[in-house]
Amino acid sequence: MRTRTALTLVGSVAALTLPFIAPASAADTVLTTGSLGGTAVAVGDVLTAPLASGTSATLYSSATGTSGIKCTTSQFTATVTANPTAPGTATESVSGQSFDSSSCTSNVLGVTGVTSITVDNLPYTTAAVSDGTLTVTPADGSTIQTTVKLTTLLGSITCVYQAPSLTGTSSNTDTSINFTSQAFTKTSGSSLCFSAGYFTAKYAPVTDNGAAVYTN
């Protein structure tokens, strides 16, 4: 993403896939730091995660293909809005998902470079369930959207992709959030923009002020 797509994507990453309240004294909440059953994450805490080491965020033109856009640097930022007793569903407000365009490349015929990827219509809401399921949704009446600007043999083009929601998973093995082939539809752009986009990314480690975040 700067190429962002929920390559939103994250989006999704997503998933791409985060009143101050003091941390709970007992480790009985959905989100904890340090370990499973560790210190409860406080409402208002900000969670961040880069791409997992050695991985890339991709927006490909098909769910099983390799034609499209690849970025090796991306990060998301989310604020915890609810962290109930486990088992349950914690919620986060995703306020940022960035992609370093200098780390992005494209192998699409006629495309010579990636100018930027921008995740639009933020914030999104992420629901993190104790079973490891993640769902990313936009505000009511909005949509998850990524704007991709590319340099081509014919000049600069802008491609806009949208999705109603994203579904991902969390893993406590490496405190990661994973999005696999999350489908986006092209809503505007030239014929050089592929007609559909499939977003895949793994973000890890997810941290709260440097401490790894676990899902209970």
N, C-alpha and C. Protein backbone atom coordinates (compact mmCIF):
# COMPACT_ATOMS: atom_id res chain seq x y z
N MET A 1 0.77 -0.58 0.00
CA MET A 1 0.00 0.00 0.00
C MET A 1 0.90 0.68 0.00
N ARG A 2 3.17 4.40 -1.55
CA ARG A 2 2.30 3.90 -0.48
C ARG A 2 1.19 3.24 -1.03
N THR A 3 1.07 1.92 -0.82
CA THR A 3 0.05 1.09 -1.38
C THR A 3 -0.74 0.54 -0.25
N ARG A 4 -1.93 0.86 -0.08
CA ARG A 4 -2.68 0.39 1.05
C ARG A 4 -3.83 -0.41 0.54
N THR A 5 -4.34 -1.29 0.86
CA THR A 5 -5.54 -1.88 0.38
C THR A 5 -6.03 -2.67 1.49
N ALA A 6 -6.75 -2.65 1.78
CA ALA A 6 -7.08 -3.46 2.93
C ALA A 6 -6.64 -4.74 2.66
N LEU A 7 -4.77 -4.04 0.65
CA LEU A 7 -3.56 -4.41 0.62
C LEU A 7 -3.44 -3.65 1.25
N THR A 8 -6.60 -2.74 2.49
CA THR A 8 -7.28 -2.25 3.42
C THR A 8 -6.95 -2.94 3.50
N LEU A 9 -5.54 -4.27 1.91
CA LEU A 9 -6.19 -4.08 2.57
C LEU A 9 -6.09 -4.14 2.56
N VAL A 10 -5.51 -4.90 4.83
CA VAL A 10 -5.75 -4.87 5.69
C VAL A 10 -5.82 -4.83 5.54
N GLY A 11 -5.89 -4.58 5.74
CA GLY A 11 -6.02 -4.31 5.75
C GLY A 11 -5.79 -4.47 6.42
N SER A 12 -6.08 -7.26 5.64
CA SER A 12 -6.27 -7.11 6.09
C SER A 12 -5.93 -7.38 6.52
N VAL A 13 -5.58 -7.26 6.20
CA VAL A 13 -5.62 -7.46 6.88
C VAL A 13 -5.80 -7.52 7.25
N ALA A 14 -6.33 -8.20 7.24
CA ALA A 14 -6.52 -7.72 7.75
C ALA A 14 -6.51 -7.95 7.88
N ALA A 15 -5.84 -9.10 7.85
CA ALA A 15 -6.04 -8.79 8.53
C ALA A 15 -5.67 -9.25 9.06
N LEU A 16 -6.10 -8.56 7.36
CA LEU A 16 -5.76 -7.79 8.39
C LEU A 16 -6.00 -7.47 9.65
N THR A 17 -7.29 -10.98 11.02
CA THR A 17 -6.74 -10.11 11.38
C THR A 17 -6.92 -10.15 12.30
N LEU A 18 -7.69 -3.36 16.44
CA LEU A 18 -7.50 -2.73 17.36
C LEU A 18 -8.10 -1.43 17.06
N PRO A 19 -12.01 7.52 27.55
CA PRO A 19 -11.98 7.02 28.75
C PRO A 19 -10.98 5.99 29.12
N PHE A 20 -10.06 6.06 29.39
CA PHE A 20 -9.02 5.17 29.86
C PHE A 20 -9.52 4.38 31.05
N ILE A 21 -9.37 3.11 31.04
CA ILE A 21 -9.75 2.24 32.14
C ILE A 21 -8.51 1.45 32.57
N ALA A 22 -8.26 1.39 33.84
CA ALA A 22 -7.06 0.70 34.34
C ALA A 22 -7.14 -0.78 34.01
N PRO A 23 -6.00 -1.43 33.74
CA PRO A 23 -6.01 -2.86 33.45
C PRO A 23 -6.63 -3.66 34.59
N ALA A 24 -7.34 -4.71 34.21
CA ALA A 24 -7.93 -5.56 35.23
C ALA A 24 -6.83 -6.30 35.98
N SER A 25 -7.05 -6.56 37.26
CA SER A 25 -6.03 -7.22 38.05
C SER A 25 -5.97 -8.71 37.74
N ALA A 26 -7.10 -9.27 37.37
CA ALA A 26 -7.14 -10.70 37.05
C ALA A 26 -7.02 -10.89 35.55
N ALA A 27 -6.31 -11.94 35.15
CA ALA A 27 -6.10 -12.21 33.73
C ALA A 27 -7.27 -13.04 33.19
N ASP A 28 -8.44 -12.41 33.09
CA ASP A 28 -9.62 -13.16 32.67
C ASP A 28 -10.28 -12.54 31.45
N THR A 29 -9.54 -11.68 30.74
CA THR A 29 -10.12 -10.97 29.60
C THR A 29 -9.71 -11.61 28.28
N VAL A 30 -10.39 -11.21 27.22
CA VAL A 30 -10.11 -11.76 25.89
C VAL A 30 -8.69 -11.43 25.45
N LEU A 31 -8.26 -10.19 25.65
CA LEU A 31 -6.92 -9.76 25.24
C LEU A 31 -6.04 -9.58 26.47
N THR A 32 -4.88 -10.22 26.44
CA THR A 32 -3.91 -10.07 27.51
C THR A 32 -2.53 -9.84 26.91
N THR A 33 -1.62 -9.32 27.73
CA THR A 33 -0.24 -9.13 27.30
C THR A 33 0.68 -10.04 28.08
N GLY A 34 1.82 -10.34 27.45
CA GLY A 34 2.84 -11.15 28.11
C GLY A 34 2.68 -12.63 27.90
N SER A 35 1.45 -13.14 27.99
CA SER A 35 1.19 -14.56 27.84
C SER A 35 -0.30 -14.79 27.81
N LEU A 36 -0.70 -16.01 27.49
CA LEU A 36 -2.10 -16.39 27.67
C LEU A 36 -2.42 -16.28 29.16
N GLY A 37 -3.52 -15.63 29.50
CA GLY A 37 -3.84 -15.43 30.91
C GLY A 37 -2.93 -14.44 31.58
N GLY A 38 -2.27 -13.60 30.80
CA GLY A 38 -1.36 -12.59 31.36
C GLY A 38 -2.11 -11.36 31.85
N THR A 39 -1.51 -10.19 31.67
CA THR A 39 -2.11 -8.94 32.13
C THR A 39 -3.18 -8.49 31.15
N ALA A 40 -4.34 -8.11 31.67
CA ALA A 40 -5.43 -7.68 30.82
C ALA A 40 -5.06 -6.40 30.07
N VAL A 41 -5.39 -6.34 28.79
CA VAL A 41 -5.20 -5.13 27.99
C VAL A 41 -6.27 -4.12 28.38
N ALA A 42 -5.87 -2.88 28.59
CA ALA A 42 -6.82 -1.86 29.02
C ALA A 42 -7.56 -1.26 27.84
N VAL A 43 -8.81 -0.94 28.05
CA VAL A 43 -9.55 -0.16 27.06
C VAL A 43 -8.83 1.17 26.88
N GLY A 44 -8.61 1.58 25.64
CA GLY A 44 -7.86 2.79 25.34
C GLY A 44 -6.43 2.53 24.94
N ASP A 45 -5.93 1.31 25.20
CA ASP A 45 -4.57 0.98 24.78
C ASP A 45 -4.49 0.90 23.26
N VAL A 46 -3.34 1.27 22.72
CA VAL A 46 -3.12 1.27 21.27
C VAL A 46 -2.28 0.05 20.89
N LEU A 47 -2.81 -0.76 19.98
CA LEU A 47 -2.11 -1.95 19.49
C LEU A 47 -1.50 -1.64 18.13
N THR A 48 -0.31 -2.16 17.90
CA THR A 48 0.34 -1.99 16.60
C THR A 48 0.95 -3.31 16.17
N ALA A 49 1.16 -3.43 14.86
CA ALA A 49 1.84 -4.62 14.33
C ALA A 49 2.37 -4.33 12.94
N PRO A 50 3.61 -4.73 12.66
CA PRO A 50 4.15 -4.67 11.29
C PRO A 50 3.84 -5.98 10.59
N LEU A 51 4.21 -6.06 9.32
CA LEU A 51 4.14 -7.35 8.64
C LEU A 51 5.09 -8.33 9.33
N ALA A 52 4.69 -9.57 9.40
CA ALA A 52 5.56 -10.59 9.97
C ALA A 52 6.86 -10.65 9.20
N SER A 53 7.94 -10.86 9.90
CA SER A 53 9.26 -10.89 9.29
C SER A 53 9.32 -11.88 8.12
N GLY A 54 9.84 -11.40 7.00
CA GLY A 54 10.01 -12.26 5.84
C GLY A 54 8.77 -12.45 5.00
N THR A 55 7.67 -11.74 5.32
CA THR A 55 6.43 -11.89 4.56
C THR A 55 6.10 -10.62 3.79
N SER A 56 5.12 -10.70 2.92
CA SER A 56 4.66 -9.56 2.13
C SER A 56 3.15 -9.47 2.21
N ALA A 57 2.65 -8.25 2.05
CA ALA A 57 1.21 -8.03 1.86
C ALA A 57 0.97 -8.00 0.36
N THR A 58 -0.02 -8.73 -0.11
CA THR A 58 -0.27 -8.80 -1.54
C THR A 58 -1.71 -8.46 -1.88
N LEU A 59 -1.87 -7.85 -3.04
CA LEU A 59 -3.19 -7.63 -3.63
C LEU A 59 -3.10 -8.21 -5.04
N TYR A 60 -3.61 -9.43 -5.20
CA TYR A 60 -3.52 -10.12 -6.47
C TYR A 60 -4.85 -10.08 -7.20
N SER A 61 -4.79 -10.31 -8.50
CA SER A 61 -5.99 -10.21 -9.34
C SER A 61 -6.89 -11.44 -9.24
N SER A 62 -6.39 -12.51 -8.61
CA SER A 62 -7.22 -13.70 -8.40
C SER A 62 -6.82 -14.34 -7.08
N ALA A 63 -7.71 -15.17 -6.56
CA ALA A 63 -7.47 -15.77 -5.25
C ALA A 63 -6.31 -16.75 -5.26
N THR A 64 -6.01 -17.32 -6.42
CA THR A 64 -4.95 -18.33 -6.50
C THR A 64 -3.77 -17.90 -7.36
N GLY A 65 -3.84 -16.70 -7.95
CA GLY A 65 -2.78 -16.24 -8.84
C GLY A 65 -1.70 -15.46 -8.12
N THR A 66 -0.72 -14.97 -8.90
CA THR A 66 0.40 -14.20 -8.35
C THR A 66 0.61 -12.91 -9.12
N SER A 67 -0.40 -12.47 -9.87
CA SER A 67 -0.31 -11.23 -10.63
C SER A 67 -0.98 -10.12 -9.85
N GLY A 68 -0.22 -9.04 -9.61
CA GLY A 68 -0.80 -7.93 -8.87
C GLY A 68 0.26 -7.10 -8.19
N ILE A 69 0.06 -6.80 -6.91
CA ILE A 69 0.93 -5.89 -6.16
C ILE A 69 1.42 -6.61 -4.91
N LYS A 70 2.70 -6.36 -4.60
CA LYS A 70 3.30 -6.94 -3.41
C LYS A 70 4.04 -5.84 -2.64
N CYS A 71 3.85 -5.77 -1.32
CA CYS A 71 4.55 -4.82 -0.46
C CYS A 71 5.20 -5.55 0.70
N THR A 72 6.41 -5.13 1.05
CA THR A 72 7.13 -5.79 2.14
C THR A 72 7.11 -4.98 3.43
N THR A 73 6.55 -3.76 3.39
CA THR A 73 6.46 -2.93 4.60
C THR A 73 5.05 -2.41 4.77
N SER A 74 4.43 -2.76 5.89
CA SER A 74 3.08 -2.30 6.20
C SER A 74 2.90 -2.37 7.71
N GLN A 75 1.97 -1.56 8.23
CA GLN A 75 1.70 -1.58 9.67
C GLN A 75 0.27 -1.14 9.93
N PHE A 76 -0.33 -1.68 10.97
CA PHE A 76 -1.65 -1.21 11.38
C PHE A 76 -1.61 -0.67 12.80
N THR A 77 -2.56 0.20 13.11
CA THR A 77 -2.72 0.78 14.44
C THR A 77 -4.18 0.69 14.82
N ALA A 78 -4.46 0.20 16.04
CA ALA A 78 -5.84 0.05 16.49
C ALA A 78 -5.94 0.34 17.98
N THR A 79 -7.04 0.96 18.38
CA THR A 79 -7.28 1.27 19.79
C THR A 79 -8.33 0.31 20.34
N VAL A 80 -8.05 -0.29 21.49
CA VAL A 80 -8.98 -1.22 22.11
C VAL A 80 -10.17 -0.45 22.66
N THR A 81 -11.37 -0.86 22.26
CA THR A 81 -12.60 -0.19 22.72
C THR A 81 -13.42 -1.04 23.68
N ALA A 82 -13.16 -2.34 23.72
CA ALA A 82 -13.82 -3.23 24.69
C ALA A 82 -12.98 -4.48 24.84
N ASN A 83 -12.81 -4.94 26.08
CA ASN A 83 -12.04 -6.15 26.36
C ASN A 83 -12.73 -6.91 27.49
N PRO A 84 -13.80 -7.64 27.15
CA PRO A 84 -14.61 -8.30 28.18
C PRO A 84 -13.96 -9.58 28.70
N THR A 85 -14.63 -10.18 29.64
CA THR A 85 -14.20 -11.45 30.20
C THR A 85 -14.21 -12.54 29.12
N ALA A 86 -13.18 -13.37 29.13
CA ALA A 86 -13.09 -14.48 28.17
C ALA A 86 -13.89 -15.68 28.68
N PRO A 87 -14.47 -16.48 27.80
CA PRO A 87 -14.51 -16.26 26.35
C PRO A 87 -15.49 -15.16 25.99
N GLY A 88 -15.16 -14.45 24.92
CA GLY A 88 -16.00 -13.34 24.50
C GLY A 88 -15.44 -12.68 23.26
N THR A 89 -15.84 -11.44 23.02
CA THR A 89 -15.41 -10.70 21.84
C THR A 89 -14.89 -9.34 22.24
N ALA A 90 -13.61 -9.11 22.00
CA ALA A 90 -13.01 -7.79 22.20
C ALA A 90 -13.19 -6.98 20.93
N THR A 91 -13.25 -5.66 21.06
CA THR A 91 -13.37 -4.81 19.88
C THR A 91 -12.26 -3.77 19.86
N GLU A 92 -11.91 -3.37 18.65
CA GLU A 92 -10.86 -2.38 18.43
C GLU A 92 -11.30 -1.43 17.33
N SER A 93 -10.81 -0.21 17.40
CA SER A 93 -11.04 0.78 16.35
C SER A 93 -9.75 0.94 15.56
N VAL A 94 -9.79 0.50 14.31
CA VAL A 94 -8.59 0.57 13.46
C VAL A 94 -8.49 1.97 12.87
N SER A 95 -7.48 2.70 13.32
CA SER A 95 -7.33 4.09 12.90
C SER A 95 -6.27 4.29 11.83
N GLY A 96 -5.48 3.27 11.58
CA GLY A 96 -4.44 3.42 10.57
C GLY A 96 -3.96 2.10 10.02
N GLN A 97 -3.75 2.07 8.71
CA GLN A 97 -3.09 0.94 8.06
C GLN A 97 -2.26 1.52 6.94
N SER A 98 -0.96 1.45 7.09
CA SER A 98 -0.06 2.11 6.15
C SER A 98 0.75 1.08 5.36
N PHE A 99 1.11 1.52 4.15
CA PHE A 99 1.96 0.71 3.28
C PHE A 99 3.04 1.62 2.72
N ASP A 100 4.28 1.20 2.82
CA ASP A 100 5.40 1.97 2.30
C ASP A 100 5.52 1.69 0.81
N SER A 101 5.16 2.69 -0.01
CA SER A 101 5.15 2.47 -1.45
C SER A 101 6.52 2.12 -2.01
N SER A 102 7.59 2.56 -1.30
CA SER A 102 8.93 2.22 -1.79
C SER A 102 9.23 0.74 -1.65
N SER A 103 8.41 0.03 -0.86
CA SER A 103 8.60 -1.41 -0.69
C SER A 103 7.66 -2.21 -1.59
N CYS A 104 6.88 -1.51 -2.42
CA CYS A 104 5.85 -2.17 -3.22
C CYS A 104 6.28 -2.33 -4.68
N THR A 105 5.95 -3.46 -5.26
CA THR A 105 6.22 -3.72 -6.67
C THR A 105 4.98 -4.31 -7.32
N SER A 106 4.94 -4.23 -8.65
CA SER A 106 3.82 -4.80 -9.39
C SER A 106 4.34 -5.55 -10.60
N ASN A 107 3.73 -6.69 -10.88
CA ASN A 107 4.08 -7.46 -12.08
C ASN A 107 2.95 -7.47 -13.10
N VAL A 108 2.04 -6.49 -12.97
CA VAL A 108 0.92 -6.37 -13.90
C VAL A 108 1.43 -5.81 -15.23
N LEU A 109 1.04 -6.40 -16.32
CA LEU A 109 1.49 -5.97 -17.63
C LEU A 109 1.13 -4.51 -17.85
N GLY A 110 2.13 -3.69 -18.21
CA GLY A 110 1.91 -2.27 -18.47
C GLY A 110 2.11 -1.38 -17.27
N VAL A 111 2.20 -1.96 -16.07
CA VAL A 111 2.42 -1.18 -14.85
C VAL A 111 3.91 -1.14 -14.56
N THR A 112 4.43 0.08 -14.34
CA THR A 112 5.86 0.24 -14.12
C THR A 112 6.22 0.58 -12.67
N GLY A 113 5.23 0.92 -11.85
CA GLY A 113 5.54 1.24 -10.46
C GLY A 113 4.29 1.47 -9.63
N VAL A 114 4.47 1.43 -8.32
CA VAL A 114 3.39 1.69 -7.37
C VAL A 114 3.66 3.03 -6.70
N THR A 115 2.76 3.99 -6.91
CA THR A 115 2.93 5.32 -6.33
C THR A 115 2.46 5.37 -4.89
N SER A 116 1.29 4.81 -4.60
CA SER A 116 0.77 4.80 -3.23
C SER A 116 -0.38 3.82 -3.11
N ILE A 117 -0.62 3.40 -1.88
CA ILE A 117 -1.81 2.63 -1.55
C ILE A 117 -2.39 3.25 -0.28
N THR A 118 -3.64 3.65 -0.35
CA THR A 118 -4.28 4.34 0.76
C THR A 118 -5.53 3.60 1.21
N VAL A 119 -5.59 3.36 2.50
CA VAL A 119 -6.79 2.74 3.07
C VAL A 119 -7.75 3.87 3.46
N ASP A 120 -8.92 3.88 2.85
CA ASP A 120 -9.89 4.96 3.03
C ASP A 120 -10.96 4.60 4.05
N ASN A 121 -11.77 5.61 4.37
CA ASN A 121 -12.98 5.44 5.20
C ASN A 121 -12.70 4.93 6.61
N LEU A 122 -11.49 5.14 7.11
CA LEU A 122 -11.18 4.79 8.49
C LEU A 122 -11.93 5.72 9.45
N PRO A 123 -12.21 5.29 10.69
CA PRO A 123 -11.78 4.03 11.28
C PRO A 123 -12.70 2.86 10.93
N TYR A 124 -12.15 1.66 11.03
CA TYR A 124 -12.92 0.43 10.92
C TYR A 124 -13.03 -0.20 12.31
N THR A 125 -13.97 -1.10 12.47
CA THR A 125 -14.12 -1.82 13.74
C THR A 125 -13.68 -3.26 13.56
N THR A 126 -12.83 -3.71 14.46
CA THR A 126 -12.41 -5.12 14.46
C THR A 126 -13.00 -5.83 15.67
N ALA A 127 -13.63 -6.96 15.42
CA ALA A 127 -14.15 -7.81 16.49
C ALA A 127 -13.23 -9.02 16.60
N ALA A 128 -12.59 -9.18 17.76
CA ALA A 128 -11.65 -10.27 17.99
C ALA A 128 -12.29 -11.26 18.96
N VAL A 129 -12.61 -12.46 18.47
CA VAL A 129 -13.32 -13.47 19.26
C VAL A 129 -12.30 -14.41 19.91
N SER A 130 -12.67 -14.94 21.05
CA SER A 130 -11.77 -15.84 21.78
C SER A 130 -11.31 -17.03 20.96
N ASP A 131 -12.13 -17.47 20.00
CA ASP A 131 -11.75 -18.63 19.17
C ASP A 131 -10.75 -18.29 18.08
N GLY A 132 -10.31 -17.02 18.02
CA GLY A 132 -9.31 -16.61 17.04
C GLY A 132 -9.87 -15.98 15.79
N THR A 133 -11.20 -15.89 15.70
CA THR A 133 -11.83 -15.27 14.53
C THR A 133 -11.76 -13.75 14.63
N LEU A 134 -11.45 -13.11 13.50
CA LEU A 134 -11.42 -11.65 13.42
C LEU A 134 -12.36 -11.19 12.31
N THR A 135 -13.13 -10.15 12.58
CA THR A 135 -13.97 -9.55 11.55
C THR A 135 -13.76 -8.05 11.55
N VAL A 136 -13.47 -7.51 10.37
CA VAL A 136 -13.25 -6.08 10.22
C VAL A 136 -14.42 -5.50 9.44
N THR A 137 -15.07 -4.47 9.99
CA THR A 137 -16.23 -3.87 9.35
C THR A 137 -16.09 -2.35 9.32
N PRO A 138 -16.67 -1.70 8.30
CA PRO A 138 -16.64 -0.24 8.23
C PRO A 138 -17.77 0.34 9.07
N ALA A 139 -17.81 1.67 9.16
CA ALA A 139 -18.91 2.35 9.84
C ALA A 139 -20.20 2.10 9.06
N ASP A 140 -21.34 2.22 9.74
CA ASP A 140 -22.63 2.05 9.07
C ASP A 140 -22.74 2.98 7.87
N GLY A 141 -23.17 2.44 6.75
CA GLY A 141 -23.33 3.23 5.54
C GLY A 141 -22.05 3.45 4.77
N SER A 142 -20.94 2.88 5.25
CA SER A 142 -19.64 3.04 4.58
C SER A 142 -19.19 1.71 4.04
N THR A 143 -17.96 1.68 3.54
CA THR A 143 -17.40 0.45 2.99
C THR A 143 -15.90 0.44 3.24
N ILE A 144 -15.32 -0.73 3.30
CA ILE A 144 -13.86 -0.85 3.34
C ILE A 144 -13.34 -0.53 1.95
N GLN A 145 -12.40 0.38 1.89
CA GLN A 145 -11.95 0.87 0.57
C GLN A 145 -10.45 1.09 0.55
N THR A 146 -9.84 0.73 -0.57
CA THR A 146 -8.42 0.97 -0.80
C THR A 146 -8.24 1.66 -2.15
N THR A 147 -7.44 2.71 -2.13
CA THR A 147 -7.13 3.44 -3.36
C THR A 147 -5.68 3.19 -3.73
N VAL A 148 -5.48 2.66 -4.93
CA VAL A 148 -4.14 2.30 -5.40
C VAL A 148 -3.78 3.21 -6.57
N LYS A 149 -2.64 3.89 -6.46
CA LYS A 149 -2.15 4.74 -7.55
C LYS A 149 -0.92 4.09 -8.16
N LEU A 150 -0.98 3.89 -9.48
CA LEU A 150 0.07 3.18 -10.19
C LEU A 150 0.64 4.04 -11.31
N THR A 151 1.89 3.79 -11.64
CA THR A 151 2.52 4.39 -12.81
C THR A 151 2.52 3.34 -13.91
N THR A 152 2.06 3.73 -15.09
CA THR A 152 1.98 2.79 -16.20
C THR A 152 2.68 3.36 -17.43
N LEU A 153 2.77 2.55 -18.46
CA LEU A 153 3.36 3.01 -19.71
C LEU A 153 2.56 4.14 -20.33
N LEU A 154 1.28 4.26 -19.93
CA LEU A 154 0.41 5.30 -20.47
C LEU A 154 0.21 6.47 -19.51
N GLY A 155 0.94 6.46 -18.40
CA GLY A 155 0.80 7.52 -17.41
C GLY A 155 0.28 6.98 -16.09
N SER A 156 -0.10 7.90 -15.20
CA SER A 156 -0.58 7.51 -13.87
C SER A 156 -2.05 7.11 -13.91
N ILE A 157 -2.40 6.09 -13.13
CA ILE A 157 -3.80 5.68 -13.03
C ILE A 157 -4.15 5.49 -11.55
N THR A 158 -5.44 5.58 -11.25
CA THR A 158 -5.94 5.36 -9.90
C THR A 158 -6.98 4.26 -9.93
N CYS A 159 -6.79 3.26 -9.06
CA CYS A 159 -7.70 2.12 -8.99
C CYS A 159 -8.32 2.10 -7.59
N VAL A 160 -9.63 1.99 -7.52
CA VAL A 160 -10.33 1.96 -6.23
C VAL A 160 -10.99 0.60 -6.04
N TYR A 161 -10.73 -0.01 -4.89
CA TYR A 161 -11.28 -1.34 -4.58
C TYR A 161 -12.07 -1.28 -3.28
N GLN A 162 -13.18 -2.00 -3.23
CA GLN A 162 -14.03 -1.98 -2.04
C GLN A 162 -14.41 -3.40 -1.62
N ALA A 163 -14.70 -3.52 -0.31
CA ALA A 163 -15.18 -4.78 0.25
C ALA A 163 -16.15 -4.46 1.38
N PRO A 164 -17.19 -5.26 1.57
CA PRO A 164 -18.14 -4.99 2.65
C PRO A 164 -17.56 -5.28 4.03
N SER A 165 -16.63 -6.24 4.11
CA SER A 165 -15.99 -6.60 5.38
C SER A 165 -14.80 -7.50 5.07
N LEU A 166 -13.99 -7.76 6.09
CA LEU A 166 -12.85 -8.66 5.97
C LEU A 166 -12.90 -9.66 7.12
N THR A 167 -12.45 -10.87 6.85
CA THR A 167 -12.39 -11.90 7.88
C THR A 167 -10.97 -12.43 7.97
N GLY A 168 -10.47 -12.53 9.20
CA GLY A 168 -9.13 -13.04 9.41
C GLY A 168 -9.08 -13.94 10.63
N THR A 169 -7.86 -14.28 11.04
CA THR A 169 -7.66 -15.11 12.22
C THR A 169 -6.49 -14.57 13.03
N SER A 170 -6.51 -14.84 14.33
CA SER A 170 -5.37 -14.51 15.17
C SER A 170 -4.72 -15.81 15.65
N SER A 171 -3.42 -15.75 15.90
CA SER A 171 -2.70 -16.93 16.37
C SER A 171 -1.83 -16.53 17.56
N ASN A 172 -1.90 -17.32 18.63
CA ASN A 172 -1.07 -17.05 19.79
C ASN A 172 0.33 -17.63 19.66
N THR A 173 0.55 -18.43 18.63
CA THR A 173 1.88 -19.02 18.43
C THR A 173 2.92 -17.94 18.21
N ASP A 174 2.57 -16.95 17.38
CA ASP A 174 3.48 -15.83 17.11
C ASP A 174 2.78 -14.49 17.28
N THR A 175 1.67 -14.47 18.02
CA THR A 175 0.83 -13.29 18.24
C THR A 175 0.61 -12.53 16.93
N SER A 176 0.03 -13.23 15.98
CA SER A 176 -0.15 -12.68 14.64
C SER A 176 -1.63 -12.51 14.30
N ILE A 177 -1.86 -11.69 13.27
CA ILE A 177 -3.18 -11.55 12.65
C ILE A 177 -3.00 -11.87 11.18
N ASN A 178 -3.86 -12.74 10.65
CA ASN A 178 -3.71 -13.23 9.28
C ASN A 178 -4.96 -12.97 8.45
N PHE A 179 -4.74 -12.47 7.23
CA PHE A 179 -5.80 -12.32 6.25
C PHE A 179 -5.39 -13.08 5.00
N THR A 180 -6.30 -13.88 4.46
CA THR A 180 -5.96 -14.71 3.30
C THR A 180 -7.00 -14.51 2.20
N SER A 181 -6.54 -14.03 1.05
CA SER A 181 -7.37 -13.87 -0.16
C SER A 181 -8.72 -13.21 0.14
N GLN A 182 -8.66 -12.07 0.83
CA GLN A 182 -9.89 -11.32 1.11
C GLN A 182 -10.30 -10.56 -0.14
N ALA A 183 -11.54 -10.76 -0.59
CA ALA A 183 -11.97 -10.28 -1.91
C ALA A 183 -12.39 -8.83 -1.90
N PHE A 184 -11.86 -8.08 -2.87
CA PHE A 184 -12.24 -6.70 -3.14
C PHE A 184 -12.74 -6.60 -4.59
N THR A 185 -13.66 -5.69 -4.82
CA THR A 185 -14.18 -5.44 -6.16
C THR A 185 -13.73 -4.07 -6.64
N LYS A 186 -13.26 -3.98 -7.87
CA LYS A 186 -12.89 -2.67 -8.43
C LYS A 186 -14.15 -1.84 -8.65
N THR A 187 -14.17 -0.62 -8.12
CA THR A 187 -15.31 0.27 -8.30
C THR A 187 -15.01 1.42 -9.24
N SER A 188 -13.73 1.70 -9.48
CA SER A 188 -13.36 2.70 -10.48
C SER A 188 -11.91 2.50 -10.88
N GLY A 189 -11.57 2.97 -12.08
CA GLY A 189 -10.20 2.85 -12.57
C GLY A 189 -10.17 2.41 -14.01
N SER A 190 -9.01 2.55 -14.63
CA SER A 190 -8.85 2.22 -16.04
C SER A 190 -8.81 0.72 -16.25
N SER A 191 -8.73 0.33 -17.52
CA SER A 191 -8.68 -1.09 -17.86
C SER A 191 -7.39 -1.75 -17.39
N LEU A 192 -6.36 -0.94 -17.06
CA LEU A 192 -5.12 -1.49 -16.53
C LEU A 192 -5.26 -1.90 -15.07
N CYS A 193 -6.32 -1.44 -14.41
CA CYS A 193 -6.61 -1.88 -13.04
C CYS A 193 -7.27 -3.25 -13.11
N PHE A 194 -6.75 -4.23 -12.38
CA PHE A 194 -7.40 -5.53 -12.43
C PHE A 194 -8.80 -5.42 -11.83
N SER A 195 -9.72 -6.21 -12.35
CA SER A 195 -11.14 -6.06 -12.05
C SER A 195 -11.51 -6.49 -10.64
N ALA A 196 -10.67 -7.28 -10.02
CA ALA A 196 -10.90 -7.72 -8.64
C ALA A 196 -9.56 -7.81 -7.93
N GLY A 197 -9.59 -7.63 -6.62
CA GLY A 197 -8.37 -7.73 -5.84
C GLY A 197 -8.54 -8.69 -4.68
N TYR A 198 -7.50 -9.47 -4.39
CA TYR A 198 -7.54 -10.43 -3.29
C TYR A 198 -6.37 -10.14 -2.36
N PHE A 199 -6.70 -9.73 -1.12
CA PHE A 199 -5.71 -9.23 -0.17
C PHE A 199 -5.27 -10.33 0.79
N THR A 200 -3.94 -10.49 0.90
CA THR A 200 -3.36 -11.45 1.83
C THR A 200 -2.24 -10.76 2.61
N ALA A 201 -2.24 -10.93 3.94
CA ALA A 201 -1.17 -10.35 4.76
C ALA A 201 -1.14 -11.03 6.12
N LYS A 202 0.05 -11.08 6.70
CA LYS A 202 0.23 -11.57 8.06
C LYS A 202 0.96 -10.51 8.87
N TYR A 203 0.30 -10.00 9.91
CA TYR A 203 0.89 -8.98 10.77
C TYR A 203 1.32 -9.62 12.09
N ALA A 204 2.61 -9.39 12.47
CA ALA A 204 3.11 -9.97 13.72
C ALA A 204 4.46 -9.33 14.07
N PRO A 205 4.74 -9.17 15.36
CA PRO A 205 3.84 -9.46 16.47
C PRO A 205 2.89 -8.29 16.73
N VAL A 206 1.71 -8.60 17.23
CA VAL A 206 0.79 -7.56 17.69
C VAL A 206 1.23 -7.19 19.10
N THR A 207 1.47 -5.90 19.34
CA THR A 207 1.98 -5.49 20.64
C THR A 207 1.18 -4.34 21.23
N ASP A 208 1.21 -4.26 22.54
CA ASP A 208 0.63 -3.16 23.32
C ASP A 208 1.77 -2.53 24.11
N ASN A 209 2.24 -1.39 23.62
CA ASN A 209 3.39 -0.72 24.26
C ASN A 209 4.58 -1.67 24.38
N GLY A 210 4.80 -2.43 23.33
CA GLY A 210 5.95 -3.33 23.27
C GLY A 210 5.72 -4.73 23.80
N ALA A 211 4.59 -4.96 24.47
CA ALA A 211 4.31 -6.29 25.01
C ALA A 211 3.42 -7.06 24.06
N ALA A 212 3.73 -8.33 23.80
CA ALA A 212 2.95 -9.14 22.88
C ALA A 212 1.53 -9.32 23.39
N VAL A 213 0.56 -9.31 22.45
CA VAL A 213 -0.86 -9.42 22.78
C VAL A 213 -1.37 -10.80 22.42
N TYR A 214 -2.06 -11.44 23.37
CA TYR A 214 -2.62 -12.78 23.18
C TYR A 214 -4.14 -12.75 23.24
N THR A 215 -4.77 -13.69 22.55
CA THR A 215 -6.23 -13.82 22.56
C THR A 215 -6.62 -15.03 23.38
N ASN A 216 -7.45 -14.81 24.40
CA ASN A 216 -7.84 -15.87 25.33
C ASN A 216 -9.27 -16.34 25.07
